[in-house]
Each structure stands twice: as structure tokens, then as C-alpha cells.
Amino acid sequence: MKRLSVACACIALLPMTASAVCVIEPLESKLQAAETVYVGTVVKSALVPGLEELRSAATSNDRRTTIRHAVEPEIVFKGDPSTVGAVLSTWHYSDPNAGRRAVVSELTTLMPGDTILVVAESSGPARYELCTASRMWSTETEKAVRAHFSPNR
């Protein structure tokens, strides 16, 4: 038993990579600081830059790309959704002809038909990633947002 404890302690001290490096702040503080907050449905997604540029990228890191999502506002809590313009996410192009495939676990999938909470700190595109306040519109998120914007607050 003592050896097992020592082995576990040694393993715990080994350096490990983190899957995401960010500080998760409470949603309420992000909602308070935001210029625009709304719920919308993703209606269109497009690669920025184009596919030809990604295919000709020299390294795997150069194949990281931005995806621009057009989001149709449905419920506006704060600000003017037209000042946001789009929601940007990050993805990694994986060439189907390559011998190796890159898998990046920190990336979040966003596609047409998804309903999301958009939290934009300023005018211009909002970001949708693991470490941003923009997220899927779920029951839990809805409760938190409606409580924050409740007139009884």
C-alpha cells in the first residue's frame, strides 16, 4: 500500500499538458461587462481563409483556421446584435490526402442550426471558444442569463 501511495505521488508530480488554459469566470460578470448579449441561431458558416490556402499551408499550425458564422438574432438581452456582425470560431483543417491527422481537443464545434448565446464585449465579431462567454444555449445557460437580466434584480 505504501509503494502504491509513493508511485501515485510520483506520477502526480510528472508534467502533463493541459487540455485548455483559461480562467473560467462566472457568466454573470461577463454579461455585466458585455456591450451586446443575445441568443441566435447559426445560419451560415464559412472558412476564412479559403480551402486552397489551407491546402497549401506549409505546417500543421498554418492549417488552423477561422470559421465565420452568420448568426440570426432571436432573443436580445442587451445592445444591438447588428454591431456584432458575426461569430468567429477556430478549427483545424485536416488534409484528407495527408498520412497524419491532427486532433485538437480544445476546439469546439459550431455549425448551422446551433442556437448559441452570443456575448460580445465590443462592436465587431464575437468569439466562440472554450474560454469565452459565448456558448451553446442550454437550460442551464438560459436560467443564468434570464436571472441576470430579470427586472426584479
C-alpha atoms as a PDB file:
ATOM      1  CA  MET A   1       0.000   0.000   0.000  1.00  0.00           C
ATOM      2  CA  LYS A   2       2.877   2.338   0.858  1.00  0.00           C
ATOM      3  CA  ARG A   3       4.545   1.664  -2.501  1.00  0.00           C
ATOM      4  CA  LEU A   4       1.282   2.404  -4.315  1.00  0.00           C
ATOM      5  CA  SER A   5       0.979   5.724  -2.483  1.00  0.00           C
ATOM      6  CA  VAL A   6       4.555   6.664  -3.374  1.00  0.00           C
ATOM      7  CA  ALA A   7       4.009   5.676  -7.015  1.00  0.00           C
ATOM      8  CA  CYS A   8       0.806   7.768  -7.231  1.00  0.00           C
ATOM      9  CA  ALA A   9       2.590  10.735  -5.673  1.00  0.00           C
ATOM     10  CA  CYS A  10       5.431  10.450  -8.196  1.00  0.00           C
ATOM     11  CA  ILE A  11       3.007  10.235 -11.131  1.00  0.00           C
ATOM     12  CA  ALA A  12       1.151  13.300  -9.868  1.00  0.00           C
ATOM     13  CA  LEU A  13       4.405  15.280  -9.964  1.00  0.00           C
ATOM     14  CA  LEU A  14       5.118  14.453 -13.620  1.00  0.00           C
ATOM     15  CA  PRO A  15       4.484  17.334 -16.042  1.00  0.00           C
ATOM     16  CA  MET A  16       1.259  16.943 -18.001  1.00  0.00           C
ATOM     17  CA  THR A  17      -0.273  19.010 -20.744  1.00  0.00           C
ATOM     18  CA  ALA A  18      -3.460  20.900 -20.031  1.00  0.00           C
ATOM     19  CA  SER A  19      -6.374  20.499 -22.420  1.00  0.00           C
ATOM     20  CA  ALA A  20      -7.276  24.179 -22.118  1.00  0.00           C
ATOM     21  CA  VAL A  21      -5.517  27.007 -20.406  1.00  0.00           C
ATOM     22  CA  CYS A  22      -8.035  29.621 -19.351  1.00  0.00           C
ATOM     23  CA  VAL A  23      -9.647  31.041 -16.287  1.00  0.00           C
ATOM     24  CA  ILE A  24     -13.367  30.398 -16.219  1.00  0.00           C
ATOM     25  CA  GLU A  25     -15.065  33.490 -14.858  1.00  0.00           C
ATOM     26  CA  PRO A  26     -18.687  33.422 -13.731  1.00  0.00           C
ATOM     27  CA  LEU A  27     -21.067  34.132 -16.596  1.00  0.00           C
ATOM     28  CA  GLU A  28     -22.704  36.972 -14.656  1.00  0.00           C
ATOM     29  CA  SER A  29     -19.545  39.118 -14.695  1.00  0.00           C
ATOM     30  CA  LYS A  30     -19.175  38.576 -18.450  1.00  0.00           C
ATOM     31  CA  LEU A  31     -22.827  39.543 -19.025  1.00  0.00           C
ATOM     32  CA  GLN A  32     -22.360  42.692 -16.954  1.00  0.00           C
ATOM     33  CA  ALA A  33     -19.253  43.773 -18.886  1.00  0.00           C
ATOM     34  CA  ALA A  34     -20.627  42.906 -22.349  1.00  0.00           C
ATOM     35  CA  GLU A  35     -21.784  45.512 -24.823  1.00  0.00           C
ATOM     36  CA  THR A  36     -24.141  43.074 -26.588  1.00  0.00           C
ATOM     37  CA  VAL A  37     -25.842  39.887 -25.385  1.00  0.00           C
ATOM     38  CA  TYR A  38     -28.290  37.895 -27.480  1.00  0.00           C
ATOM     39  CA  VAL A  39     -29.425  34.401 -28.383  1.00  0.00           C
ATOM     40  CA  GLY A  40     -29.274  33.452 -32.032  1.00  0.00           C
ATOM     41  CA  THR A  41     -29.236  30.585 -34.475  1.00  0.00           C
ATOM     42  CA  VAL A  42     -26.231  29.924 -36.695  1.00  0.00           C
ATOM     43  CA  VAL A  43     -27.496  30.160 -40.275  1.00  0.00           C
ATOM     44  CA  LYS A  44     -24.248  30.019 -42.257  1.00  0.00           C
ATOM     45  CA  SER A  45     -20.599  29.064 -41.653  1.00  0.00           C
ATOM     46  CA  ALA A  46     -17.622  29.729 -43.929  1.00  0.00           C
ATOM     47  CA  LEU A  47     -13.854  29.163 -43.834  1.00  0.00           C
ATOM     48  CA  VAL A  48     -11.600  32.203 -43.562  1.00  0.00           C
ATOM     49  CA  PRO A  49      -9.165  31.847 -45.382  1.00  0.00           C
ATOM     50  CA  GLY A  50     -10.355  29.677 -48.254  1.00  0.00           C
ATOM     51  CA  LEU A  51      -9.732  25.964 -48.724  1.00  0.00           C
ATOM     52  CA  GLU A  52      -6.980  26.417 -51.347  1.00  0.00           C
ATOM     53  CA  GLU A  53      -4.878  28.472 -48.934  1.00  0.00           C
ATOM     54  CA  LEU A  54      -5.307  25.843 -46.213  1.00  0.00           C
ATOM     55  CA  ARG A  55      -4.321  23.025 -48.580  1.00  0.00           C
ATOM     56  CA  SER A  56      -1.094  24.804 -49.479  1.00  0.00           C
ATOM     57  CA  ALA A  57      -0.132  25.562 -45.858  1.00  0.00           C
ATOM     58  CA  ALA A  58       3.428  24.524 -45.052  1.00  0.00           C
ATOM     59  CA  THR A  59       2.921  23.316 -41.492  1.00  0.00           C
ATOM     60  CA  SER A  60       0.155  21.865 -39.373  1.00  0.00           C
ATOM     61  CA  ASN A  61      -0.016  25.089 -37.330  1.00  0.00           C
ATOM     62  CA  ASP A  62      -0.675  27.024 -40.538  1.00  0.00           C
ATOM     63  CA  ARG A  63      -3.759  24.860 -41.080  1.00  0.00           C
ATOM     64  CA  ARG A  64      -5.511  26.360 -38.058  1.00  0.00           C
ATOM     65  CA  THR A  65      -8.283  28.439 -39.494  1.00  0.00           C
ATOM     66  CA  THR A  66     -11.039  30.801 -38.536  1.00  0.00           C
ATOM     67  CA  ILE A  67     -14.638  29.986 -39.301  1.00  0.00           C
ATOM     68  CA  ARG A  68     -17.026  32.916 -39.679  1.00  0.00           C
ATOM     69  CA  HIS A  69     -20.572  32.149 -38.562  1.00  0.00           C
ATOM     70  CA  ALA A  70     -23.588  34.266 -39.509  1.00  0.00           C
ATOM     71  CA  VAL A  71     -25.995  34.235 -36.563  1.00  0.00           C
ATOM     72  CA  GLU A  72     -29.662  35.247 -36.796  1.00  0.00           C
ATOM     73  CA  PRO A  73     -30.651  37.023 -33.536  1.00  0.00           C
ATOM     74  CA  GLU A  74     -33.768  35.644 -31.833  1.00  0.00           C
ATOM     75  CA  ILE A  75     -33.747  36.975 -28.253  1.00  0.00           C
ATOM     76  CA  VAL A  76     -31.935  40.242 -27.469  1.00  0.00           C
ATOM     77  CA  PHE A  77     -30.976  40.885 -23.852  1.00  0.00           C
ATOM     78  CA  LYS A  78     -28.600  43.818 -24.256  1.00  0.00           C
ATOM     79  CA  GLY A  79     -27.230  46.028 -27.030  1.00  0.00           C
ATOM     80  CA  ASP A  80     -27.657  45.811 -30.796  1.00  0.00           C
ATOM     81  CA  PRO A  81     -26.824  42.452 -32.457  1.00  0.00           C
ATOM     82  CA  SER A  82     -26.125  44.207 -35.771  1.00  0.00           C
ATOM     83  CA  THR A  83     -22.961  45.710 -34.215  1.00  0.00           C
ATOM     84  CA  VAL A  84     -21.537  42.205 -33.725  1.00  0.00           C
ATOM     85  CA  GLY A  85     -21.809  41.152 -37.360  1.00  0.00           C
ATOM     86  CA  ALA A  86     -20.550  37.574 -36.945  1.00  0.00           C
ATOM     87  CA  VAL A  87     -19.263  34.991 -34.520  1.00  0.00           C
ATOM     88  CA  LEU A  88     -15.778  33.590 -35.097  1.00  0.00           C
ATOM     89  CA  SER A  89     -14.536  30.172 -34.044  1.00  0.00           C
ATOM     90  CA  THR A  90     -11.287  28.306 -34.662  1.00  0.00           C
ATOM     91  CA  TRP A  91     -10.839  24.980 -36.408  1.00  0.00           C
ATOM     92  CA  HIS A  92      -8.040  22.892 -37.861  1.00  0.00           C
ATOM     93  CA  TYR A  93      -8.062  21.783 -41.487  1.00  0.00           C
ATOM     94  CA  SER A  94      -7.069  18.155 -41.849  1.00  0.00           C
ATOM     95  CA  ASP A  95      -5.967  17.303 -45.388  1.00  0.00           C
ATOM     96  CA  PRO A  96      -7.665  14.039 -46.428  1.00  0.00           C
ATOM     97  CA  ASN A  97      -4.630  13.165 -48.594  1.00  0.00           C
ATOM     98  CA  ALA A  98      -2.127  13.521 -45.751  1.00  0.00           C
ATOM     99  CA  GLY A  99      -0.764  10.497 -43.916  1.00  0.00           C
ATOM    100  CA  ARG A 100      -1.321  12.079 -40.498  1.00  0.00           C
ATOM    101  CA  ARG A 101      -4.393  13.713 -38.999  1.00  0.00           C
ATOM    102  CA  ALA A 102      -4.244  16.434 -36.383  1.00  0.00           C
ATOM    103  CA  VAL A 103      -6.648  16.164 -33.467  1.00  0.00           C
ATOM    104  CA  VAL A 104      -7.061  19.293 -31.371  1.00  0.00           C
ATOM    105  CA  SER A 105      -9.284  18.626 -28.372  1.00  0.00           C
ATOM    106  CA  GLU A 106      -9.569  22.305 -27.375  1.00  0.00           C
ATOM    107  CA  LEU A 107     -11.636  23.163 -30.434  1.00  0.00           C
ATOM    108  CA  THR A 108     -15.396  23.486 -30.161  1.00  0.00           C
ATOM    109  CA  THR A 109     -17.774  22.610 -32.978  1.00  0.00           C
ATOM    110  CA  LEU A 110     -20.292  25.212 -34.101  1.00  0.00           C
ATOM    111  CA  MET A 111     -22.453  24.696 -37.166  1.00  0.00           C
ATOM    112  CA  PRO A 112     -25.626  25.931 -38.877  1.00  0.00           C
ATOM    113  CA  GLY A 113     -28.683  25.065 -36.838  1.00  0.00           C
ATOM    114  CA  ASP A 114     -26.949  25.532 -33.458  1.00  0.00           C
ATOM    115  CA  THR A 115     -28.545  28.034 -31.085  1.00  0.00           C
ATOM    116  CA  ILE A 116     -25.991  29.991 -29.083  1.00  0.00           C
ATOM    117  CA  LEU A 117     -25.706  32.735 -26.512  1.00  0.00           C
ATOM    118  CA  VAL A 118     -23.550  35.485 -28.038  1.00  0.00           C
ATOM    119  CA  VAL A 119     -21.685  37.669 -25.546  1.00  0.00           C
ATOM    120  CA  ALA A 120     -19.761  40.473 -27.274  1.00  0.00           C
ATOM    121  CA  GLU A 121     -17.528  42.757 -25.248  1.00  0.00           C
ATOM    122  CA  SER A 122     -17.375  45.373 -28.018  1.00  0.00           C
ATOM    123  CA  SER A 123     -18.512  46.058 -31.567  1.00  0.00           C
ATOM    124  CA  GLY A 124     -17.193  43.643 -34.152  1.00  0.00           C
ATOM    125  CA  PRO A 125     -17.157  39.854 -34.314  1.00  0.00           C
ATOM    126  CA  ALA A 126     -17.653  37.867 -31.112  1.00  0.00           C
ATOM    127  CA  ARG A 127     -15.569  34.763 -30.347  1.00  0.00           C
ATOM    128  CA  TYR A 128     -16.916  31.276 -29.641  1.00  0.00           C
ATOM    129  CA  GLU A 129     -14.322  29.038 -27.975  1.00  0.00           C
ATOM    130  CA  LEU A 130     -13.804  27.104 -24.757  1.00  0.00           C
ATOM    131  CA  CYS A 131     -12.638  30.169 -22.859  1.00  0.00           C
ATOM    132  CA  THR A 132     -15.247  32.692 -24.000  1.00  0.00           C
ATOM    133  CA  ALA A 133     -18.603  33.651 -22.537  1.00  0.00           C
ATOM    134  CA  SER A 134     -20.415  32.818 -25.804  1.00  0.00           C
ATOM    135  CA  ARG A 135     -21.741  29.284 -25.545  1.00  0.00           C
ATOM    136  CA  MET A 136     -24.500  26.862 -26.522  1.00  0.00           C
ATOM    137  CA  TRP A 137     -27.963  27.968 -25.410  1.00  0.00           C
ATOM    138  CA  SER A 138     -28.825  25.288 -22.862  1.00  0.00           C
ATOM    139  CA  THR A 139     -31.304  25.088 -19.990  1.00  0.00           C
ATOM    140  CA  GLU A 140     -28.521  25.938 -17.525  1.00  0.00           C
ATOM    141  CA  THR A 141     -27.327  28.912 -19.575  1.00  0.00           C
ATOM    142  CA  GLU A 142     -30.878  30.165 -20.041  1.00  0.00           C
ATOM    143  CA  LYS A 143     -31.506  30.131 -16.275  1.00  0.00           C
ATOM    144  CA  ALA A 144     -28.335  32.101 -15.575  1.00  0.00           C
ATOM    145  CA  VAL A 145     -28.974  34.685 -18.302  1.00  0.00           C
ATOM    146  CA  ARG A 146     -32.653  35.207 -17.503  1.00  0.00           C
ATOM    147  CA  ALA A 147     -31.817  35.572 -13.788  1.00  0.00           C
ATOM    148  CA  HIS A 148     -29.165  38.189 -14.613  1.00  0.00           C
ATOM    149  CA  PHE A 149     -31.458  40.227 -16.872  1.00  0.00           C
ATOM    150  CA  SER A 150     -34.562  39.785 -14.683  1.00  0.00           C
ATOM    151  CA  PRO A 151     -36.361  43.102 -13.997  1.00  0.00           C
ATOM    152  CA  ASN A 152     -36.641  42.055 -10.313  1.00  0.00           C
ATOM    153  CA  ARG A 153     -32.879  42.156  -9.832  1.00  0.00           C
END
